[in-house]
Amino acid sequence: MKKIITFILVAGWVLNSYSQEVIQLEETTLHYEPTGEIVFEDYSNGIVKVKENYQRQFQSNAIAFINENFDLKRFREESGNMSGDVYVTVSSSNGQLRAVYNDKDELVKTYQQFKNVPLPYDVRNQVYANYLGWTLTKDKYIASGMQSNIDDEKYIVHLEKGKERTKLKIIPARSTVTGVASVEKY
């Protein structure tokens, strides 16, 4: 029995020593590929159109999308505006983002407007609770802000119930004092 246990220990030690072999890997290089594709550029007029890799890629976070995919230096070179403020409009099939950059290439302010944007979960539940039996037919998201922040945002929502129609303005909670959102007829 002693010989079997000794043999198992020696075999384990030998096999373990072979498994500790170091493997040298070859050097690798990383390439940056933007997450979206810019399909039309009219730099002289400040217009850029994007093609999204997946649905609602641009509108889910338009400011981050433009920061990742827009080449401001190239825009300045092609438009001939190497100093001063730059006004850019980036649009997709569901809406647009307008941005202003200063002469230091810093984002100064933004304005965005999109249609058919899903309401945030808590806001959607609040609207559903207040308007039981109503159907959301269309909506619009409007936001503006300074730098990369969104300071003012609202949703304009159209509801239907049979032949009745109503239009609501919804301001999410960070802009209101009570509840998840401020909901008022528009």
N, C-alpha and C. Protein backbone atom coordinates (compact mmCIF):
# COMPACT_ATOMS: atom_id res chain seq x y z
N MET A 1 0.82 -1.18 0.00
CA MET A 1 0.00 0.00 0.00
C MET A 1 0.87 1.25 0.00
N LYS A 2 2.02 1.18 0.76
CA LYS A 2 2.93 2.30 0.81
C LYS A 2 3.50 2.59 -0.57
N LYS A 3 3.80 1.55 -1.32
CA LYS A 3 4.36 1.72 -2.66
C LYS A 3 3.36 2.39 -3.60
N ILE A 4 2.09 2.05 -3.50
CA ILE A 4 1.06 2.64 -4.38
C ILE A 4 0.90 4.13 -4.07
N ILE A 5 0.84 4.49 -2.81
CA ILE A 5 0.69 5.90 -2.44
C ILE A 5 1.93 6.68 -2.87
N THR A 6 3.11 6.11 -2.67
CA THR A 6 4.34 6.78 -3.10
C THR A 6 4.35 6.94 -4.61
N PHE A 7 3.94 5.91 -5.35
CA PHE A 7 3.89 5.99 -6.82
C PHE A 7 2.93 7.08 -7.28
N ILE A 8 1.75 7.19 -6.66
CA ILE A 8 0.75 8.22 -7.03
C ILE A 8 1.32 9.61 -6.75
N LEU A 9 1.97 9.81 -5.62
CA LEU A 9 2.55 11.10 -5.29
C LEU A 9 3.66 11.49 -6.28
N VAL A 10 4.54 10.55 -6.62
CA VAL A 10 5.62 10.83 -7.57
C VAL A 10 5.04 11.11 -8.96
N ALA A 11 4.05 10.33 -9.38
CA ALA A 11 3.43 10.54 -10.69
C ALA A 11 2.76 11.91 -10.73
N GLY A 12 2.07 12.28 -9.67
CA GLY A 12 1.42 13.60 -9.61
C GLY A 12 2.44 14.72 -9.67
N TRP A 13 3.57 14.55 -8.97
CA TRP A 13 4.60 15.56 -8.98
C TRP A 13 5.22 15.71 -10.36
N VAL A 14 5.48 14.58 -11.05
CA VAL A 14 6.07 14.60 -12.38
C VAL A 14 5.10 15.24 -13.38
N LEU A 15 3.84 14.84 -13.36
CA LEU A 15 2.85 15.41 -14.29
C LEU A 15 2.64 16.90 -14.03
N ASN A 16 2.65 17.29 -12.77
CA ASN A 16 2.48 18.69 -12.41
C ASN A 16 3.66 19.52 -12.90
N SER A 17 4.86 18.99 -12.85
CA SER A 17 6.03 19.75 -13.31
C SER A 17 5.99 19.96 -14.81
N TYR A 18 5.43 19.02 -15.56
CA TYR A 18 5.31 19.20 -17.01
C TYR A 18 4.23 20.22 -17.37
N SER A 19 3.25 20.37 -16.53
CA SER A 19 2.16 21.31 -16.84
C SER A 19 2.57 22.76 -16.59
N GLN A 20 3.69 23.00 -15.98
CA GLN A 20 4.14 24.35 -15.67
C GLN A 20 4.99 24.97 -16.77
N GLU A 21 4.98 24.41 -17.94
CA GLU A 21 5.79 24.90 -19.05
C GLU A 21 5.26 26.27 -19.52
N VAL A 22 6.16 27.22 -19.73
CA VAL A 22 5.80 28.56 -20.16
C VAL A 22 5.73 28.60 -21.67
N ILE A 23 4.64 29.16 -22.18
CA ILE A 23 4.45 29.28 -23.62
C ILE A 23 4.58 30.75 -23.99
N GLN A 24 5.48 31.07 -24.91
CA GLN A 24 5.65 32.45 -25.37
C GLN A 24 4.66 32.70 -26.51
N LEU A 25 3.89 33.76 -26.37
CA LEU A 25 2.94 34.14 -27.40
C LEU A 25 3.54 35.22 -28.29
N GLU A 26 3.06 35.28 -29.53
CA GLU A 26 3.54 36.31 -30.44
C GLU A 26 2.90 37.65 -30.09
N GLU A 27 3.57 38.71 -30.48
CA GLU A 27 3.06 40.04 -30.23
C GLU A 27 1.80 40.26 -31.07
N THR A 28 0.85 40.97 -30.49
CA THR A 28 -0.39 41.25 -31.20
C THR A 28 -0.59 42.76 -31.31
N THR A 29 -1.37 43.17 -32.28
CA THR A 29 -1.68 44.58 -32.45
C THR A 29 -3.18 44.75 -32.38
N LEU A 30 -3.61 45.88 -31.83
CA LEU A 30 -5.02 46.19 -31.73
C LEU A 30 -5.35 47.30 -32.71
N HIS A 31 -6.50 47.18 -33.34
CA HIS A 31 -6.96 48.20 -34.28
C HIS A 31 -8.26 48.77 -33.77
N TYR A 32 -8.39 50.10 -33.84
CA TYR A 32 -9.62 50.76 -33.42
C TYR A 32 -10.57 50.81 -34.60
N GLU A 33 -11.76 50.30 -34.39
CA GLU A 33 -12.81 50.40 -35.39
C GLU A 33 -14.01 51.06 -34.73
N PRO A 34 -14.50 52.15 -35.30
CA PRO A 34 -15.66 52.81 -34.70
C PRO A 34 -16.85 51.85 -34.64
N THR A 35 -17.74 52.10 -33.67
CA THR A 35 -18.88 51.22 -33.49
C THR A 35 -19.99 51.50 -34.50
N GLY A 36 -19.99 52.63 -35.13
CA GLY A 36 -20.99 52.97 -36.12
C GLY A 36 -20.29 53.41 -37.40
N GLU A 37 -21.07 53.50 -38.43
CA GLU A 37 -20.49 53.86 -39.72
C GLU A 37 -21.07 55.20 -40.16
N ILE A 38 -20.21 56.12 -40.53
CA ILE A 38 -20.66 57.41 -41.05
C ILE A 38 -20.82 57.23 -42.55
N VAL A 39 -22.06 57.40 -43.05
CA VAL A 39 -22.34 57.11 -44.44
C VAL A 39 -22.38 58.35 -45.32
N PHE A 40 -22.54 59.53 -44.73
CA PHE A 40 -22.58 60.75 -45.53
C PHE A 40 -21.96 61.87 -44.72
N GLU A 41 -21.04 62.59 -45.33
CA GLU A 41 -20.39 63.70 -44.66
C GLU A 41 -20.44 64.92 -45.56
N ASP A 42 -21.10 65.96 -45.12
CA ASP A 42 -21.10 67.24 -45.81
C ASP A 42 -20.45 68.24 -44.85
N TYR A 43 -19.12 68.14 -44.75
CA TYR A 43 -18.41 68.91 -43.76
C TYR A 43 -18.53 70.42 -43.98
N SER A 44 -18.67 70.85 -45.20
CA SER A 44 -18.77 72.29 -45.44
C SER A 44 -20.04 72.86 -44.82
N ASN A 45 -21.11 72.05 -44.73
CA ASN A 45 -22.36 72.51 -44.13
C ASN A 45 -22.57 71.96 -42.72
N GLY A 46 -21.64 71.17 -42.23
CA GLY A 46 -21.72 70.65 -40.87
C GLY A 46 -22.73 69.53 -40.70
N ILE A 47 -22.91 68.68 -41.72
CA ILE A 47 -23.90 67.61 -41.66
C ILE A 47 -23.21 66.25 -41.78
N VAL A 48 -23.56 65.36 -40.87
CA VAL A 48 -23.03 64.00 -40.88
C VAL A 48 -24.20 63.05 -40.67
N LYS A 49 -24.31 62.01 -41.50
CA LYS A 49 -25.34 60.99 -41.33
C LYS A 49 -24.68 59.68 -40.95
N VAL A 50 -25.29 58.96 -40.03
CA VAL A 50 -24.70 57.72 -39.54
C VAL A 50 -25.57 56.52 -39.88
N LYS A 51 -24.89 55.40 -40.03
CA LYS A 51 -25.55 54.11 -40.18
C LYS A 51 -25.19 53.31 -38.95
N GLU A 52 -26.19 52.89 -38.20
CA GLU A 52 -25.96 52.21 -36.94
C GLU A 52 -25.68 50.73 -37.16
N ASN A 53 -24.83 50.16 -36.31
CA ASN A 53 -24.54 48.72 -36.39
C ASN A 53 -25.68 47.90 -35.81
N TYR A 54 -26.44 48.46 -34.90
CA TYR A 54 -27.62 47.80 -34.36
C TYR A 54 -28.68 48.86 -34.11
N GLN A 55 -29.93 48.42 -33.99
CA GLN A 55 -31.05 49.33 -33.86
C GLN A 55 -30.92 50.21 -32.63
N ARG A 56 -31.16 51.48 -32.80
CA ARG A 56 -31.12 52.50 -31.74
C ARG A 56 -29.74 52.70 -31.12
N GLN A 57 -28.70 52.36 -31.83
CA GLN A 57 -27.34 52.54 -31.32
C GLN A 57 -27.05 54.02 -31.10
N PHE A 58 -27.40 54.85 -32.06
CA PHE A 58 -27.12 56.28 -31.99
C PHE A 58 -27.98 56.96 -30.94
N GLN A 59 -29.28 56.70 -30.95
CA GLN A 59 -30.17 57.42 -30.04
C GLN A 59 -30.07 56.96 -28.60
N SER A 60 -29.53 55.76 -28.34
CA SER A 60 -29.42 55.29 -26.95
C SER A 60 -28.45 56.15 -26.15
N ASN A 61 -27.40 56.66 -26.78
CA ASN A 61 -26.48 57.59 -26.13
C ASN A 61 -25.78 58.38 -27.24
N ALA A 62 -26.47 59.37 -27.75
CA ALA A 62 -26.00 60.13 -28.91
C ALA A 62 -24.69 60.87 -28.64
N ILE A 63 -24.53 61.40 -27.45
CA ILE A 63 -23.33 62.17 -27.14
C ILE A 63 -22.11 61.25 -27.12
N ALA A 64 -22.23 60.09 -26.50
CA ALA A 64 -21.12 59.13 -26.49
C ALA A 64 -20.83 58.64 -27.90
N PHE A 65 -21.87 58.44 -28.71
CA PHE A 65 -21.70 57.98 -30.09
C PHE A 65 -20.89 58.99 -30.90
N ILE A 66 -21.22 60.26 -30.77
CA ILE A 66 -20.49 61.29 -31.54
C ILE A 66 -19.06 61.42 -31.02
N ASN A 67 -18.85 61.26 -29.71
CA ASN A 67 -17.49 61.33 -29.17
C ASN A 67 -16.63 60.18 -29.69
N GLU A 68 -17.23 58.99 -29.87
CA GLU A 68 -16.47 57.83 -30.33
C GLU A 68 -16.25 57.80 -31.84
N ASN A 69 -17.19 58.32 -32.62
CA ASN A 69 -17.18 58.10 -34.06
C ASN A 69 -16.95 59.33 -34.92
N PHE A 70 -16.95 60.51 -34.36
CA PHE A 70 -16.83 61.73 -35.16
C PHE A 70 -15.41 62.27 -35.08
N ASP A 71 -14.79 62.51 -36.24
CA ASP A 71 -13.42 63.02 -36.32
C ASP A 71 -13.47 64.54 -36.47
N LEU A 72 -13.39 65.24 -35.35
CA LEU A 72 -13.51 66.70 -35.35
C LEU A 72 -12.34 67.37 -36.06
N LYS A 73 -11.14 66.83 -35.93
CA LYS A 73 -9.98 67.43 -36.60
C LYS A 73 -10.15 67.38 -38.13
N ARG A 74 -10.59 66.25 -38.62
CA ARG A 74 -10.84 66.13 -40.06
C ARG A 74 -11.96 67.06 -40.50
N PHE A 75 -12.99 67.18 -39.68
CA PHE A 75 -14.09 68.09 -39.97
C PHE A 75 -13.58 69.53 -40.10
N ARG A 76 -12.72 69.93 -39.16
CA ARG A 76 -12.17 71.29 -39.23
C ARG A 76 -11.34 71.49 -40.49
N GLU A 77 -10.52 70.49 -40.84
CA GLU A 77 -9.68 70.61 -42.04
C GLU A 77 -10.53 70.72 -43.30
N GLU A 78 -11.54 69.87 -43.45
CA GLU A 78 -12.34 69.87 -44.68
C GLU A 78 -13.28 71.05 -44.77
N SER A 79 -13.73 71.56 -43.62
CA SER A 79 -14.63 72.72 -43.65
C SER A 79 -13.86 74.03 -43.72
N GLY A 80 -12.54 73.98 -43.44
CA GLY A 80 -11.73 75.20 -43.49
C GLY A 80 -11.84 76.04 -42.23
N ASN A 81 -12.50 75.54 -41.22
CA ASN A 81 -12.67 76.28 -39.96
C ASN A 81 -11.71 75.70 -38.93
N MET A 82 -10.47 76.19 -38.93
CA MET A 82 -9.45 75.66 -38.03
C MET A 82 -9.52 76.30 -36.64
N SER A 83 -10.22 77.41 -36.50
CA SER A 83 -10.39 78.04 -35.19
C SER A 83 -11.80 78.60 -35.13
N GLY A 84 -12.29 78.78 -33.93
CA GLY A 84 -13.66 79.26 -33.75
C GLY A 84 -14.61 78.12 -33.46
N ASP A 85 -15.87 78.49 -33.25
CA ASP A 85 -16.89 77.50 -32.94
C ASP A 85 -17.27 76.69 -34.17
N VAL A 86 -17.61 75.42 -33.93
CA VAL A 86 -18.02 74.52 -35.00
C VAL A 86 -19.41 73.99 -34.67
N TYR A 87 -20.32 74.05 -35.63
CA TYR A 87 -21.68 73.55 -35.46
C TYR A 87 -21.83 72.29 -36.30
N VAL A 88 -22.23 71.20 -35.65
CA VAL A 88 -22.32 69.90 -36.31
C VAL A 88 -23.72 69.34 -36.11
N THR A 89 -24.29 68.77 -37.17
CA THR A 89 -25.57 68.06 -37.09
C THR A 89 -25.32 66.62 -37.50
N VAL A 90 -25.59 65.69 -36.59
CA VAL A 90 -25.45 64.27 -36.87
C VAL A 90 -26.85 63.68 -36.85
N SER A 91 -27.23 63.04 -37.95
CA SER A 91 -28.60 62.54 -38.03
C SER A 91 -28.64 61.07 -38.41
N SER A 92 -29.73 60.43 -37.98
CA SER A 92 -30.00 59.04 -38.33
C SER A 92 -31.46 58.97 -38.75
N SER A 93 -31.94 57.78 -39.00
CA SER A 93 -33.33 57.64 -39.46
C SER A 93 -34.34 58.01 -38.38
N ASN A 94 -33.97 57.98 -37.10
CA ASN A 94 -34.91 58.28 -36.02
C ASN A 94 -34.75 59.66 -35.40
N GLY A 95 -33.77 60.44 -35.82
CA GLY A 95 -33.61 61.76 -35.23
C GLY A 95 -32.24 62.34 -35.47
N GLN A 96 -31.91 63.33 -34.64
CA GLN A 96 -30.65 64.03 -34.85
C GLN A 96 -30.08 64.58 -33.56
N LEU A 97 -28.81 64.86 -33.62
CA LEU A 97 -28.08 65.52 -32.53
C LEU A 97 -27.38 66.72 -33.15
N ARG A 98 -27.56 67.88 -32.54
CA ARG A 98 -26.82 69.08 -32.95
C ARG A 98 -25.85 69.42 -31.84
N ALA A 99 -24.60 69.62 -32.21
CA ALA A 99 -23.56 69.87 -31.22
C ALA A 99 -22.75 71.10 -31.61
N VAL A 100 -22.26 71.80 -30.60
CA VAL A 100 -21.41 72.97 -30.80
C VAL A 100 -20.09 72.69 -30.09
N TYR A 101 -18.98 72.85 -30.83
CA TYR A 101 -17.64 72.68 -30.28
C TYR A 101 -16.95 74.04 -30.29
N ASN A 102 -16.14 74.33 -29.26
CA ASN A 102 -15.41 75.59 -29.23
C ASN A 102 -14.08 75.44 -29.96
N ASP A 103 -13.26 76.48 -29.95
CA ASP A 103 -11.98 76.47 -30.67
C ASP A 103 -10.95 75.53 -30.05
N LYS A 104 -11.19 75.05 -28.82
CA LYS A 104 -10.29 74.08 -28.19
C LYS A 104 -10.77 72.64 -28.40
N ASP A 105 -11.71 72.45 -29.31
CA ASP A 105 -12.31 71.14 -29.64
C ASP A 105 -13.04 70.52 -28.46
N GLU A 106 -13.59 71.34 -27.59
CA GLU A 106 -14.38 70.86 -26.47
C GLU A 106 -15.86 71.00 -26.80
N LEU A 107 -16.64 70.02 -26.42
CA LEU A 107 -18.07 70.05 -26.64
C LEU A 107 -18.68 71.10 -25.72
N VAL A 108 -19.37 72.08 -26.30
CA VAL A 108 -19.93 73.18 -25.52
C VAL A 108 -21.39 72.90 -25.15
N LYS A 109 -22.23 72.59 -26.16
CA LYS A 109 -23.63 72.30 -25.89
C LYS A 109 -24.20 71.38 -26.95
N THR A 110 -25.29 70.71 -26.57
CA THR A 110 -25.94 69.76 -27.47
C THR A 110 -27.45 69.94 -27.42
N TYR A 111 -28.08 69.54 -28.50
CA TYR A 111 -29.54 69.47 -28.58
C TYR A 111 -29.85 68.20 -29.37
N GLN A 112 -30.72 67.36 -28.83
CA GLN A 112 -31.07 66.13 -29.53
C GLN A 112 -32.56 65.93 -29.55
N GLN A 113 -33.02 65.34 -30.64
CA GLN A 113 -34.44 65.07 -30.81
C GLN A 113 -34.58 63.75 -31.56
N PHE A 114 -35.32 62.81 -30.95
CA PHE A 114 -35.51 61.48 -31.54
C PHE A 114 -36.97 61.08 -31.44
N LYS A 115 -37.44 60.29 -32.39
CA LYS A 115 -38.79 59.77 -32.34
C LYS A 115 -38.75 58.28 -32.02
N ASN A 116 -39.86 57.78 -31.51
CA ASN A 116 -40.02 56.37 -31.16
C ASN A 116 -38.94 55.86 -30.21
N VAL A 117 -38.71 56.60 -29.15
CA VAL A 117 -37.73 56.22 -28.12
C VAL A 117 -38.48 55.52 -26.99
N PRO A 118 -38.03 54.35 -26.58
CA PRO A 118 -38.70 53.68 -25.46
C PRO A 118 -38.57 54.52 -24.18
N LEU A 119 -39.68 54.64 -23.46
CA LEU A 119 -39.65 55.37 -22.20
C LEU A 119 -38.86 54.58 -21.16
N PRO A 120 -38.18 55.26 -20.24
CA PRO A 120 -37.51 54.53 -19.15
C PRO A 120 -38.53 53.69 -18.38
N TYR A 121 -38.08 52.59 -17.83
CA TYR A 121 -38.94 51.59 -17.19
C TYR A 121 -39.87 52.21 -16.14
N ASP A 122 -39.33 52.99 -15.20
CA ASP A 122 -40.14 53.57 -14.14
C ASP A 122 -41.16 54.58 -14.68
N VAL A 123 -40.75 55.36 -15.65
CA VAL A 123 -41.64 56.36 -16.25
C VAL A 123 -42.77 55.65 -17.00
N ARG A 124 -42.43 54.62 -17.75
CA ARG A 124 -43.44 53.85 -18.49
C ARG A 124 -44.47 53.26 -17.53
N ASN A 125 -44.02 52.73 -16.39
CA ASN A 125 -44.94 52.16 -15.41
C ASN A 125 -45.84 53.23 -14.79
N GLN A 126 -45.31 54.41 -14.55
CA GLN A 126 -46.10 55.50 -13.99
C GLN A 126 -47.19 55.93 -14.98
N VAL A 127 -46.82 56.08 -16.25
CA VAL A 127 -47.81 56.46 -17.27
C VAL A 127 -48.87 55.38 -17.41
N TYR A 128 -48.45 54.13 -17.42
CA TYR A 128 -49.40 53.02 -17.54
C TYR A 128 -50.38 53.00 -16.36
N ALA A 129 -49.88 53.25 -15.15
CA ALA A 129 -50.74 53.26 -13.97
C ALA A 129 -51.75 54.40 -14.02
N ASN A 130 -51.34 55.55 -14.54
CA ASN A 130 -52.24 56.71 -14.59
C ASN A 130 -53.20 56.65 -15.78
N TYR A 131 -52.86 55.92 -16.82
CA TYR A 131 -53.67 55.87 -18.03
C TYR A 131 -53.95 54.42 -18.42
N LEU A 132 -54.64 53.69 -17.55
CA LEU A 132 -54.98 52.29 -17.82
C LEU A 132 -55.87 52.19 -19.05
N GLY A 133 -55.55 51.27 -19.94
CA GLY A 133 -56.35 51.06 -21.14
C GLY A 133 -55.95 51.92 -22.32
N TRP A 134 -55.06 52.86 -22.12
CA TRP A 134 -54.59 53.73 -23.20
C TRP A 134 -53.43 53.05 -23.92
N THR A 135 -53.28 53.37 -25.20
CA THR A 135 -52.20 52.82 -26.02
C THR A 135 -51.29 53.95 -26.46
N LEU A 136 -50.01 53.75 -26.29
CA LEU A 136 -49.03 54.73 -26.74
C LEU A 136 -48.86 54.56 -28.25
N THR A 137 -49.15 55.60 -29.03
CA THR A 137 -49.07 55.50 -30.48
C THR A 137 -47.77 56.05 -31.04
N LYS A 138 -47.27 57.12 -30.46
CA LYS A 138 -45.97 57.65 -30.89
C LYS A 138 -45.41 58.53 -29.79
N ASP A 139 -44.10 58.72 -29.85
CA ASP A 139 -43.47 59.58 -28.86
C ASP A 139 -42.26 60.27 -29.46
N LYS A 140 -41.83 61.30 -28.75
CA LYS A 140 -40.67 62.07 -29.18
C LYS A 140 -39.84 62.39 -27.94
N TYR A 141 -38.52 62.27 -28.06
CA TYR A 141 -37.60 62.58 -26.98
C TYR A 141 -36.83 63.82 -27.36
N ILE A 142 -36.81 64.81 -26.47
CA ILE A 142 -36.11 66.07 -26.72
C ILE A 142 -35.21 66.34 -25.51
N ALA A 143 -33.93 66.60 -25.78
CA ALA A 143 -32.99 66.86 -24.69
C ALA A 143 -31.96 67.89 -25.13
N SER A 144 -31.46 68.63 -24.15
CA SER A 144 -30.39 69.59 -24.41
C SER A 144 -29.51 69.67 -23.19
N GLY A 145 -28.31 70.16 -23.39
CA GLY A 145 -27.41 70.28 -22.25
C GLY A 145 -26.10 70.94 -22.61
N MET A 146 -25.33 71.16 -21.57
CA MET A 146 -24.02 71.76 -21.72
C MET A 146 -22.97 70.67 -21.61
N GLN A 147 -21.94 70.77 -22.42
CA GLN A 147 -20.86 69.78 -22.49
C GLN A 147 -21.45 68.40 -22.74
N SER A 148 -21.03 67.38 -22.02
CA SER A 148 -21.54 66.02 -22.25
C SER A 148 -22.73 65.69 -21.35
N ASN A 149 -23.25 66.69 -20.64
CA ASN A 149 -24.37 66.47 -19.72
C ASN A 149 -25.70 66.75 -20.40
N ILE A 150 -26.74 66.08 -19.93
CA ILE A 150 -28.10 66.38 -20.37
C ILE A 150 -28.75 67.13 -19.22
N ASP A 151 -29.03 68.43 -19.43
CA ASP A 151 -29.58 69.27 -18.38
C ASP A 151 -31.10 69.35 -18.43
N ASP A 152 -31.66 69.24 -19.61
CA ASP A 152 -33.11 69.38 -19.77
C ASP A 152 -33.57 68.30 -20.74
N GLU A 153 -34.52 67.48 -20.31
CA GLU A 153 -35.04 66.45 -21.19
C GLU A 153 -36.53 66.27 -20.96
N LYS A 154 -37.22 65.88 -22.02
CA LYS A 154 -38.66 65.61 -21.92
C LYS A 154 -39.08 64.65 -23.02
N TYR A 155 -40.20 64.01 -22.77
CA TYR A 155 -40.82 63.11 -23.73
C TYR A 155 -42.19 63.69 -24.07
N ILE A 156 -42.51 63.74 -25.33
CA ILE A 156 -43.85 64.11 -25.78
C ILE A 156 -44.49 62.81 -26.26
N VAL A 157 -45.59 62.41 -25.60
CA VAL A 157 -46.20 61.11 -25.83
C VAL A 157 -47.63 61.28 -26.31
N HIS A 158 -47.99 60.53 -27.36
CA HIS A 158 -49.36 60.52 -27.87
C HIS A 158 -50.03 59.22 -27.44
N LEU A 159 -51.19 59.33 -26.77
CA LEU A 159 -51.94 58.16 -26.30
C LEU A 159 -53.31 58.12 -26.97
N GLU A 160 -53.81 56.91 -27.18
CA GLU A 160 -55.15 56.71 -27.74
C GLU A 160 -55.90 55.67 -26.93
N LYS A 161 -57.21 55.90 -26.81
CA LYS A 161 -58.11 54.93 -26.18
C LYS A 161 -59.42 55.01 -26.95
N GLY A 162 -59.59 54.06 -27.86
CA GLY A 162 -60.76 54.13 -28.75
C GLY A 162 -60.62 55.33 -29.66
N LYS A 163 -61.60 56.25 -29.57
CA LYS A 163 -61.55 57.46 -30.40
C LYS A 163 -60.96 58.65 -29.64
N GLU A 164 -60.69 58.45 -28.37
CA GLU A 164 -60.08 59.51 -27.56
C GLU A 164 -58.58 59.57 -27.83
N ARG A 165 -58.07 60.78 -27.83
CA ARG A 165 -56.63 60.98 -27.99
C ARG A 165 -56.17 62.03 -26.98
N THR A 166 -54.97 61.83 -26.50
CA THR A 166 -54.38 62.83 -25.61
C THR A 166 -52.88 62.88 -25.85
N LYS A 167 -52.32 64.01 -25.50
CA LYS A 167 -50.89 64.24 -25.69
C LYS A 167 -50.31 64.65 -24.33
N LEU A 168 -49.22 63.99 -23.92
CA LEU A 168 -48.61 64.25 -22.63
C LEU A 168 -47.18 64.75 -22.77
N LYS A 169 -46.79 65.60 -21.83
CA LYS A 169 -45.38 65.99 -21.71
C LYS A 169 -44.87 65.35 -20.43
N ILE A 170 -43.81 64.57 -20.55
CA ILE A 170 -43.26 63.85 -19.41
C ILE A 170 -41.83 64.34 -19.18
N ILE A 171 -41.59 64.81 -17.96
CA ILE A 171 -40.25 65.25 -17.58
C ILE A 171 -39.73 64.26 -16.54
N PRO A 172 -38.64 63.54 -16.84
CA PRO A 172 -38.12 62.54 -15.89
C PRO A 172 -37.77 63.14 -14.53
N ALA A 173 -37.67 62.29 -13.52
CA ALA A 173 -37.57 62.68 -12.11
C ALA A 173 -36.42 63.60 -11.76
N ARG A 174 -35.29 63.51 -12.42
CA ARG A 174 -34.18 64.36 -11.98
C ARG A 174 -34.49 65.83 -12.16
N SER A 175 -35.52 66.16 -12.98
CA SER A 175 -35.91 67.55 -13.17
C SER A 175 -37.12 67.93 -12.33
N THR A 176 -37.71 66.97 -11.61
CA THR A 176 -38.91 67.26 -10.83
C THR A 176 -38.65 67.01 -9.35
N VAL A 177 -39.59 67.42 -8.52
CA VAL A 177 -39.44 67.29 -7.08
C VAL A 177 -40.12 66.02 -6.57
N THR A 178 -41.23 65.63 -7.16
CA THR A 178 -41.99 64.49 -6.65
C THR A 178 -42.14 63.41 -7.70
N GLY A 179 -42.22 62.16 -7.26
CA GLY A 179 -42.51 61.03 -8.14
C GLY A 179 -41.37 60.67 -9.06
N VAL A 180 -41.67 59.74 -9.94
CA VAL A 180 -40.69 59.26 -10.92
C VAL A 180 -40.56 60.28 -12.04
N ALA A 181 -41.69 60.89 -12.42
CA ALA A 181 -41.68 61.86 -13.50
C ALA A 181 -42.86 62.81 -13.33
N SER A 182 -42.73 63.97 -13.91
CA SER A 182 -43.82 64.92 -13.96
C SER A 182 -44.58 64.68 -15.25
N VAL A 183 -45.87 64.34 -15.13
CA VAL A 183 -46.70 64.05 -16.30
C VAL A 183 -47.80 65.09 -16.36
N GLU A 184 -47.88 65.79 -17.49
CA GLU A 184 -48.93 66.79 -17.64
C GLU A 184 -49.43 66.78 -19.07
N LYS A 185 -50.68 67.19 -19.26
CA LYS A 185 -51.26 67.26 -20.60
C LYS A 185 -50.54 68.36 -21.36
N TYR A 186 -50.36 68.12 -22.62
CA TYR A 186 -49.58 69.03 -23.46
C TYR A 186 -50.45 69.62 -24.52
